[in-house]
C-alpha atoms as a PDB file:
ATOM      1  CA  MET A   1      24.273  59.572  63.514  1.00  0.00           C
ATOM      2  CA  LEU A   2      25.667  56.234  62.598  1.00  0.00           C
ATOM      3  CA  GLN A   3      22.174  54.946  62.112  1.00  0.00           C
ATOM      4  CA  ALA A   4      21.374  57.871  59.855  1.00  0.00           C
ATOM      5  CA  LEU A   5      24.335  56.972  57.637  1.00  0.00           C
ATOM      6  CA  VAL A   6      23.254  53.362  57.448  1.00  0.00           C
ATOM      7  CA  THR A   7      19.755  54.458  56.557  1.00  0.00           C
ATOM      8  CA  VAL A   8      20.970  56.841  53.826  1.00  0.00           C
ATOM      9  CA  ALA A   9      23.252  54.177  52.358  1.00  0.00           C
ATOM     10  CA  ALA A  10      20.446  51.656  52.295  1.00  0.00           C
ATOM     11  CA  GLU A  11      18.192  54.031  50.492  1.00  0.00           C
ATOM     12  CA  GLU A  12      20.719  54.826  47.811  1.00  0.00           C
ATOM     13  CA  GLY A  13      21.027  51.306  46.961  1.00  0.00           C
ATOM     14  CA  HIS A  14      24.315  50.335  48.294  1.00  0.00           C
ATOM     15  CA  SER A  15      24.094  46.946  49.336  1.00  0.00           C
ATOM     16  CA  GLY A  16      26.754  45.098  51.150  1.00  0.00           C
ATOM     17  CA  GLY A  17      29.916  46.256  52.799  1.00  0.00           C
ATOM     18  CA  ASN A  18      30.643  48.141  55.891  1.00  0.00           C
ATOM     19  CA  PRO A  19      30.018  51.854  55.530  1.00  0.00           C
ATOM     20  CA  LEU A  20      32.789  52.608  58.094  1.00  0.00           C
ATOM     21  CA  LEU A  21      35.569  51.147  55.973  1.00  0.00           C
ATOM     22  CA  PRO A  22      36.936  53.301  53.162  1.00  0.00           C
ATOM     23  CA  ALA A  23      37.110  52.064  49.647  1.00  0.00           C
ATOM     24  CA  VAL A  24      40.126  50.063  48.412  1.00  0.00           C
ATOM     25  CA  TYR A  25      41.323  52.791  46.051  1.00  0.00           C
ATOM     26  CA  ASP A  26      41.314  55.295  48.974  1.00  0.00           C
ATOM     27  CA  ILE A  27      43.426  52.961  51.073  1.00  0.00           C
ATOM     28  CA  THR A  28      45.850  52.391  48.168  1.00  0.00           C
ATOM     29  CA  TRP A  29      46.391  56.079  47.413  1.00  0.00           C
ATOM     30  CA  SER A  30      46.651  56.899  51.119  1.00  0.00           C
ATOM     31  CA  LEU A  31      49.279  54.141  51.484  1.00  0.00           C
ATOM     32  CA  VAL A  32      51.268  55.483  48.502  1.00  0.00           C
ATOM     33  CA  CYS A  33      51.216  59.038  49.950  1.00  0.00           C
ATOM     34  CA  PHE A  34      52.198  57.727  53.360  1.00  0.00           C
ATOM     35  CA  VAL A  35      55.182  55.807  51.895  1.00  0.00           C
ATOM     36  CA  ILE A  36      56.359  58.869  49.893  1.00  0.00           C
ATOM     37  CA  ILE A  37      56.061  61.182  52.918  1.00  0.00           C
ATOM     38  CA  GLY A  38      57.789  58.593  55.149  1.00  0.00           C
ATOM     39  CA  PHE A  39      60.615  58.221  52.609  1.00  0.00           C
ATOM     40  CA  VAL A  40      61.100  62.039  52.410  1.00  0.00           C
ATOM     41  CA  VAL A  41      61.067  62.353  56.181  1.00  0.00           C
ATOM     42  CA  TRP A  42      63.481  59.419  56.575  1.00  0.00           C
ATOM     43  CA  ARG A  43      65.957  60.555  53.867  1.00  0.00           C
ATOM     44  CA  ILE A  44      65.813  64.357  54.199  1.00  0.00           C
ATOM     45  CA  ALA A  45      64.190  65.598  57.412  1.00  0.00           C
ATOM     46  CA  LEU A  46      65.634  63.088  59.883  1.00  0.00           C
ATOM     47  CA  PRO A  47      69.288  63.629  58.837  1.00  0.00           C
ATOM     48  CA  ARG A  48      68.843  67.392  59.019  1.00  0.00           C
ATOM     49  CA  MET A  49      67.197  67.150  62.425  1.00  0.00           C
ATOM     50  CA  ALA A  50      69.995  64.810  63.577  1.00  0.00           C
ATOM     51  CA  LYS A  51      72.586  67.383  62.427  1.00  0.00           C
ATOM     52  CA  VAL A  52      70.790  70.187  64.254  1.00  0.00           C
ATOM     53  CA  LEU A  53      70.460  68.084  67.399  1.00  0.00           C
ATOM     54  CA  ASP A  54      74.117  67.012  67.172  1.00  0.00           C
ATOM     55  CA  ALA A  55      75.176  70.662  66.762  1.00  0.00           C
ATOM     56  CA  ARG A  56      73.064  71.692  69.744  1.00  0.00           C
ATOM     57  CA  SER A  57      74.439  68.804  71.787  1.00  0.00           C
ATOM     58  CA  ALA A  58      78.016  69.745  70.865  1.00  0.00           C
ATOM     59  CA  ALA A  59      77.326  73.401  71.709  1.00  0.00           C
ATOM     60  CA  ILE A  60      75.816  72.445  75.037  1.00  0.00           C
ATOM     61  CA  GLU A  61      78.732  70.120  75.823  1.00  0.00           C
ATOM     62  CA  GLY A  62      81.180  72.843  74.783  1.00  0.00           C
ATOM     63  CA  ASN A  63      79.434  75.360  76.987  1.00  0.00           C
ATOM     64  CA  ILE A  64      79.458  72.872  79.840  1.00  0.00           C
ATOM     65  CA  ALA A  65      83.182  72.300  79.292  1.00  0.00           C
ATOM     66  CA  LYS A  66      83.785  76.058  79.156  1.00  0.00           C
ATOM     67  CA  ALA A  67      81.750  76.511  82.329  1.00  0.00           C
ATOM     68  CA  ASP A  68      83.739  73.759  84.056  1.00  0.00           C
ATOM     69  CA  GLU A  69      87.011  75.363  82.921  1.00  0.00           C
ATOM     70  CA  ALA A  70      85.801  78.778  84.077  1.00  0.00           C
ATOM     71  CA  GLN A  71      84.811  77.303  87.418  1.00  0.00           C
ATOM     72  CA  ARG A  72      88.252  75.661  87.796  1.00  0.00           C
ATOM     73  CA  GLU A  73      89.923  78.959  86.902  1.00  0.00           C
ATOM     74  CA  ALA A  74      87.714  80.812  89.385  1.00  0.00           C
ATOM     75  CA  GLU A  75      88.575  78.302  92.104  1.00  0.00           C
ATOM     76  CA  ALA A  76      92.286  78.628  91.289  1.00  0.00           C
ATOM     77  CA  ALA A  77      91.989  82.420  91.357  1.00  0.00           C
ATOM     78  CA  LEU A  78      90.153  82.221  94.679  1.00  0.00           C
ATOM     79  CA  GLU A  79      92.871  79.996  96.142  1.00  0.00           C
ATOM     80  CA  GLN A  80      95.544  82.362  94.826  1.00  0.00           C
ATOM     81  CA  TYR A  81      93.665  85.367  96.233  1.00  0.00           C
ATOM     82  CA  THR A  82      93.268  83.621  99.582  1.00  0.00           C
ATOM     83  CA  ALA A  83      96.986  82.792  99.655  1.00  0.00           C
ATOM     84  CA  GLN A  84      97.901  86.378  98.749  1.00  0.00           C
ATOM     85  CA  LEU A  85      95.525  87.698 101.404  1.00  0.00           C
ATOM     86  CA  ALA A  86      97.064  85.419 104.024  1.00  0.00           C
ATOM     87  CA  ALA A  87     100.569  86.492 102.967  1.00  0.00           C
ATOM     88  CA  ALA A  88      99.539  90.152 103.104  1.00  0.00           C
ATOM     89  CA  ARG A  89      98.063  89.698 106.581  1.00  0.00           C
ATOM     90  CA  LYS A  90     101.229  87.950 107.733  1.00  0.00           C
ATOM     91  CA  GLU A  91     103.392  90.722 106.261  1.00  0.00           C
ATOM     92  CA  ALA A  92     101.199  93.376 107.887  1.00  0.00           C
ATOM     93  CA  GLY A  93     101.598  91.596 111.238  1.00  0.00           C
ATOM     94  CA  GLU A  94     105.363  91.495 110.791  1.00  0.00           C
ATOM     95  CA  ILE A  95     105.416  95.193 109.884  1.00  0.00           C
ATOM     96  CA  ARG A  96     103.283  96.012 112.945  1.00  0.00           C
ATOM     97  CA  GLU A  97     105.585  93.966 115.165  1.00  0.00           C
ATOM     98  CA  ALA A  98     108.673  95.641 113.686  1.00  0.00           C
ATOM     99  CA  ALA A  99     107.065  99.049 114.224  1.00  0.00           C
ATOM    100  CA  ARG A 100     106.345  98.166 117.864  1.00  0.00           C
ATOM    101  CA  GLU A 101     109.948  97.063 118.358  1.00  0.00           C
ATOM    102  CA  ASP A 102     111.210 100.237 116.688  1.00  0.00           C
ATOM    103  CA  GLY A 103     108.888 102.297 118.878  1.00  0.00           C
ATOM    104  CA  LYS A 104     110.199 100.576 122.002  1.00  0.00           C
ATOM    105  CA  LYS A 105     113.788 101.203 120.872  1.00  0.00           C
ATOM    106  CA  ILE A 106     113.043 104.865 120.142  1.00  0.00           C
ATOM    107  CA  VAL A 107     111.369 105.308 123.527  1.00  0.00           C
ATOM    108  CA  ALA A 108     114.289 103.576 125.283  1.00  0.00           C
ATOM    109  CA  GLU A 109     116.818 105.723 123.399  1.00  0.00           C
ATOM    110  CA  ALA A 110     114.839 108.877 124.216  1.00  0.00           C
ATOM    111  CA  LYS A 111     114.705 107.903 127.907  1.00  0.00           C
ATOM    112  CA  GLU A 112     118.416 107.140 127.912  1.00  0.00           C
ATOM    113  CA  THR A 113     119.222 110.422 126.152  1.00  0.00           C
ATOM    114  CA  ALA A 114     116.972 112.367 128.522  1.00  0.00           C
ATOM    115  CA  SER A 115     118.493 110.619 131.523  1.00  0.00           C
ATOM    116  CA  SER A 116     122.054 111.300 130.407  1.00  0.00           C
ATOM    117  CA  GLU A 117     121.166 114.908 129.556  1.00  0.00           C
ATOM    118  CA  ALA A 118     119.553 115.322 132.972  1.00  0.00           C
ATOM    119  CA  ALA A 119     122.620 113.824 134.647  1.00  0.00           C
ATOM    120  CA  ARG A 120     124.894 116.118 132.633  1.00  0.00           C
ATOM    121  CA  LEU A 121     122.787 119.178 133.506  1.00  0.00           C
ATOM    122  CA  THR A 122     122.677 118.157 137.167  1.00  0.00           C
ATOM    123  CA  ALA A 123     126.443 117.683 137.242  1.00  0.00           C
ATOM    124  CA  ALA A 124     126.968 121.027 135.521  1.00  0.00           C
ATOM    125  CA  ALA A 125     124.591 122.702 137.986  1.00  0.00           C
ATOM    126  CA  HIS A 126     126.406 121.091 140.964  1.00  0.00           C
ATOM    127  CA  ALA A 127     129.749 122.204 139.543  1.00  0.00           C
ATOM    128  CA  GLN A 128     128.449 125.740 139.038  1.00  0.00           C
ATOM    129  CA  ILE A 129     126.952 125.822 142.519  1.00  0.00           C
ATOM    130  CA  GLU A 130     130.217 124.555 144.010  1.00  0.00           C
ATOM    131  CA  ALA A 131     132.209 127.154 142.056  1.00  0.00           C
ATOM    132  CA  GLU A 132     129.864 129.908 143.198  1.00  0.00           C
ATOM    133  CA  ARG A 133     130.080 128.601 146.768  1.00  0.00           C
ATOM    134  CA  GLN A 134     133.875 128.639 146.661  1.00  0.00           C
ATOM    135  CA  SER A 135     133.820 132.101 145.108  1.00  0.00           C
ATOM    136  CA  THR A 136     131.413 133.301 147.773  1.00  0.00           C
ATOM    137  CA  LEU A 137     133.536 131.738 150.520  1.00  0.00           C
ATOM    138  CA  VAL A 138     136.666 133.454 149.233  1.00  0.00           C
ATOM    139  CA  SER A 139     134.803 136.749 148.929  1.00  0.00           C
ATOM    140  CA  LEU A 140     133.305 136.375 152.401  1.00  0.00           C
ATOM    141  CA  ARG A 141     136.699 135.476 153.899  1.00  0.00           C
ATOM    142  CA  ALA A 142     138.194 138.549 152.382  1.00  0.00           C
ATOM    143  CA  GLU A 143     135.363 140.789 153.601  1.00  0.00           C
ATOM    144  CA  VAL A 144     135.226 139.165 157.034  1.00  0.00           C
ATOM    145  CA  GLY A 145     139.004 139.451 157.266  1.00  0.00           C
ATOM    146  CA  THR A 146     138.925 143.126 156.373  1.00  0.00           C
ATOM    147  CA  LEU A 147     136.105 143.799 158.847  1.00  0.00           C
ATOM    148  CA  ALA A 148     137.814 141.766 161.557  1.00  0.00           C
ATOM    149  CA  VAL A 149     141.099 143.618 161.087  1.00  0.00           C
ATOM    150  CA  ASP A 150     139.288 146.956 161.180  1.00  0.00           C
ATOM    151  CA  LEU A 151     137.322 145.941 164.282  1.00  0.00           C
ATOM    152  CA  ALA A 152     140.412 144.548 165.964  1.00  0.00           C
ATOM    153  CA  GLY A 153     142.246 147.773 165.182  1.00  0.00           C
ATOM    154  CA  ASN A 154     139.391 149.785 166.717  1.00  0.00           C
ATOM    155  CA  VAL A 155     139.318 147.554 169.816  1.00  0.00           C
ATOM    156  CA  ILE A 156     143.084 147.578 170.308  1.00  0.00           C
ATOM    157  CA  GLY A 157     143.444 151.127 169.264  1.00  0.00           C
ATOM    158  CA  GLU A 158     146.204 150.367 166.802  1.00  0.00           C
ATOM    159  CA  THR A 159     146.268 149.914 163.130  1.00  0.00           C
ATOM    160  CA  LEU A 160     147.262 146.496 161.972  1.00  0.00           C
ATOM    161  CA  SER A 161     149.429 147.434 159.054  1.00  0.00           C
ATOM    162  CA  ASP A 162     151.129 144.120 158.467  1.00  0.00           C
ATOM    163  CA  ASP A 163     148.914 142.349 155.944  1.00  0.00           C
ATOM    164  CA  ALA A 164     150.523 138.936 156.408  1.00  0.00           C
ATOM    165  CA  ARG A 165     150.025 139.017 160.159  1.00  0.00           C
ATOM    166  CA  ALA A 166     146.478 140.308 159.764  1.00  0.00           C
ATOM    167  CA  GLN A 167     145.701 137.573 157.226  1.00  0.00           C
ATOM    168  CA  ALA A 168     147.064 134.894 159.592  1.00  0.00           C
ATOM    169  CA  VAL A 169     144.884 136.183 162.443  1.00  0.00           C
ATOM    170  CA  VAL A 170     141.796 136.219 160.202  1.00  0.00           C
ATOM    171  CA  ASP A 171     142.464 132.694 158.892  1.00  0.00           C
ATOM    172  CA  ARG A 172     142.937 131.359 162.422  1.00  0.00           C
ATOM    173  CA  PHE A 173     139.743 133.057 163.545  1.00  0.00           C
ATOM    174  CA  LEU A 174     137.733 131.617 160.633  1.00  0.00           C
ATOM    175  CA  ALA A 175     139.204 128.133 161.156  1.00  0.00           C
ATOM    176  CA  GLU A 176     138.148 128.245 164.817  1.00  0.00           C
ATOM    177  CA  LEU A 177     134.710 129.462 163.752  1.00  0.00           C
ATOM    178  CA  GLU A 178     134.304 126.593 161.269  1.00  0.00           C
ATOM    179  CA  ALA A 179     135.509 124.055 163.817  1.00  0.00           C
ATOM    180  CA  SER A 180     132.963 125.280 166.345  1.00  0.00           C
ATOM    181  CA  GLU A 181     130.182 125.022 163.715  1.00  0.00           C
ATOM    182  CA  LYS A 182     131.166 121.452 162.836  1.00  0.00           C
ATOM    183  CA  ALA A 183     131.278 120.450 166.509  1.00  0.00           C
ATOM    184  CA  ALA A 184     127.801 121.915 167.023  1.00  0.00           C
ATOM    185  CA  GLN A 185     126.353 119.811 164.265  1.00  0.00           C
END
């Protein structure tokens, strides 16, 4: 193609010069347009772009600062939460320990109360048994005495009318009977 251009230019009668270089007036007007566009870009576009970039940079730095502050606050909140959690666990342990101690005290008091109540009931039962035993002994002595006096009267053939004498005989008989039982044991 380059050879075709050279051939066409030679036929038209252009003689001299390089066909690849533009004409001087084209270079001049291109240079003037370039200078005007460069001046407009330098005076108007670049300052506006610098402002936009500065604003974006400030926004980014502000967001970074906010993010750093938020991260510090989150770390502080986490530390506070961790401290509160540890305090709550410690308090729960103390409450559990106090409850165990209270439980042990309640169980000990219940055992002591039950033991004293059992001792009281046992003592009352022993006292009642002893009273009933004494009552039974007195009743038996009286019945045995009456039977003995009646039997003795039947054997002798006389009526023992003197109650004091009959009571003395019965008491002596029962005392001998008790003495013989104790000796046998």
